[in-house]
Amino acid sequence: MALGALYIGTFIWERRKQYITLTENSIKKNKLKSIEIELKNIVRIQKFANDVKIFSENKKIVINTNLITEESKTDLDKFLQTIDLEIG
């Protein structure tokens, strides 16, 4: 019962927040324990199927592009192009 309430609470909280936040200096995946990577620390970007994986030396953000709107996908692609790395 408590596990169900926790799952529903997490779902509601995550739906109210933006899935990802892009700033001039960082990218952040918003969830109960948010993950943020500063752009200067990104060492690799990998695209495969519907996922975009962004790596730093000690963090990884996985973005499921099925969960964002087409407009947000375009914004994400533009954002990734500003980073001076080869996207594989």
Protein backbone atom coordinates (compact mmCIF):
# COMPACT_ATOMS: atom_id res chain seq x y z
CA MET A 1 0.00 0.00 0.00
CA ALA A 2 2.75 2.47 0.95
CA LEU A 3 4.71 1.50 -2.14
CA GLY A 4 1.70 2.29 -4.33
CA ALA A 5 1.26 5.68 -2.69
CA LEU A 6 4.97 6.40 -3.17
CA TYR A 7 4.73 5.46 -6.86
CA ILE A 8 1.67 7.66 -7.42
CA GLY A 9 3.28 10.56 -5.54
CA THR A 10 6.46 10.25 -7.60
CA PHE A 11 4.44 10.13 -10.82
CA ILE A 12 2.47 13.27 -9.92
CA TRP A 13 5.60 15.16 -8.82
CA GLU A 14 7.48 14.25 -12.01
CA ARG A 15 4.52 15.23 -14.22
CA ARG A 16 4.35 18.68 -12.61
CA LYS A 17 8.06 19.35 -13.19
CA GLN A 18 9.66 19.68 -16.58
CA TYR A 19 11.36 16.44 -17.69
CA ILE A 20 14.59 18.25 -18.56
CA THR A 21 15.84 21.79 -18.02
CA LEU A 22 18.34 23.36 -20.42
CA THR A 23 20.32 26.44 -19.40
CA GLU A 24 23.30 28.26 -20.85
CA ASN A 25 25.61 26.32 -18.56
CA SER A 26 23.97 22.99 -17.83
CA ILE A 27 21.44 20.30 -18.56
CA LYS A 28 19.31 18.90 -15.76
CA LYS A 29 17.00 15.89 -15.63
CA ASN A 30 14.31 16.63 -13.07
CA LYS A 31 13.20 13.72 -10.92
CA LEU A 32 13.11 13.03 -7.19
CA LYS A 33 16.91 12.94 -7.19
CA SER A 34 17.73 15.38 -9.99
CA ILE A 35 20.85 14.95 -12.10
CA GLU A 36 22.63 18.02 -13.48
CA ILE A 37 25.70 18.18 -15.69
CA GLU A 38 27.49 21.41 -16.49
CA LEU A 39 28.22 21.81 -20.20
CA LYS A 40 31.95 22.21 -19.60
CA ASN A 41 31.97 18.74 -17.97
CA ILE A 42 30.26 16.84 -20.80
CA VAL A 43 32.67 14.30 -22.31
CA ARG A 44 30.36 12.28 -24.56
CA ILE A 45 26.90 12.37 -26.12
CA GLN A 46 25.33 9.23 -27.50
CA LYS A 47 22.07 8.90 -29.43
CA PHE A 48 20.49 5.48 -29.88
CA ALA A 49 16.89 4.71 -30.77
CA ASN A 50 14.76 7.00 -28.58
CA ASP A 51 17.44 7.75 -25.99
CA VAL A 52 19.99 10.53 -25.73
CA LYS A 53 22.75 9.78 -23.23
CA ILE A 54 24.90 12.62 -21.93
CA PHE A 55 28.03 11.70 -19.99
CA SER A 56 30.42 13.55 -17.72
CA GLU A 57 33.31 11.90 -15.90
CA ASN A 58 31.06 10.74 -13.06
CA LYS A 59 27.43 11.32 -14.13
CA LYS A 60 25.09 10.16 -16.87
CA ILE A 61 21.77 11.58 -17.96
CA VAL A 62 19.52 9.41 -20.12
CA ILE A 63 16.73 11.29 -21.90
CA ASN A 64 13.88 9.27 -23.35
CA THR A 65 12.82 11.41 -26.30
CA ASN A 66 9.43 9.64 -26.39
CA LEU A 67 8.56 11.59 -23.25
CA ILE A 68 9.07 15.07 -24.73
CA THR A 69 7.13 17.05 -27.31
CA GLU A 70 8.34 17.53 -30.88
CA GLU A 71 9.11 21.18 -30.10
CA SER A 72 11.21 20.12 -27.11
CA LYS A 73 13.02 17.53 -29.24
CA THR A 74 13.96 20.32 -31.66
CA ASP A 75 15.15 22.48 -28.76
CA LEU A 76 17.19 19.57 -27.39
CA ASP A 77 18.81 18.93 -30.77
CA LYS A 78 19.74 22.63 -31.12
CA PHE A 79 21.12 22.60 -27.58
CA LEU A 80 23.25 19.51 -28.25
CA GLN A 81 24.64 21.08 -31.43
CA THR A 82 26.05 23.97 -29.37
CA ILE A 83 28.26 21.54 -27.45
CA ASP A 84 31.63 21.06 -29.13
CA LEU A 85 31.53 17.24 -29.20
CA GLU A 86 30.86 14.63 -31.81
CA ILE A 87 27.46 13.09 -31.25
CA GLY A 88 27.48 9.34 -31.81
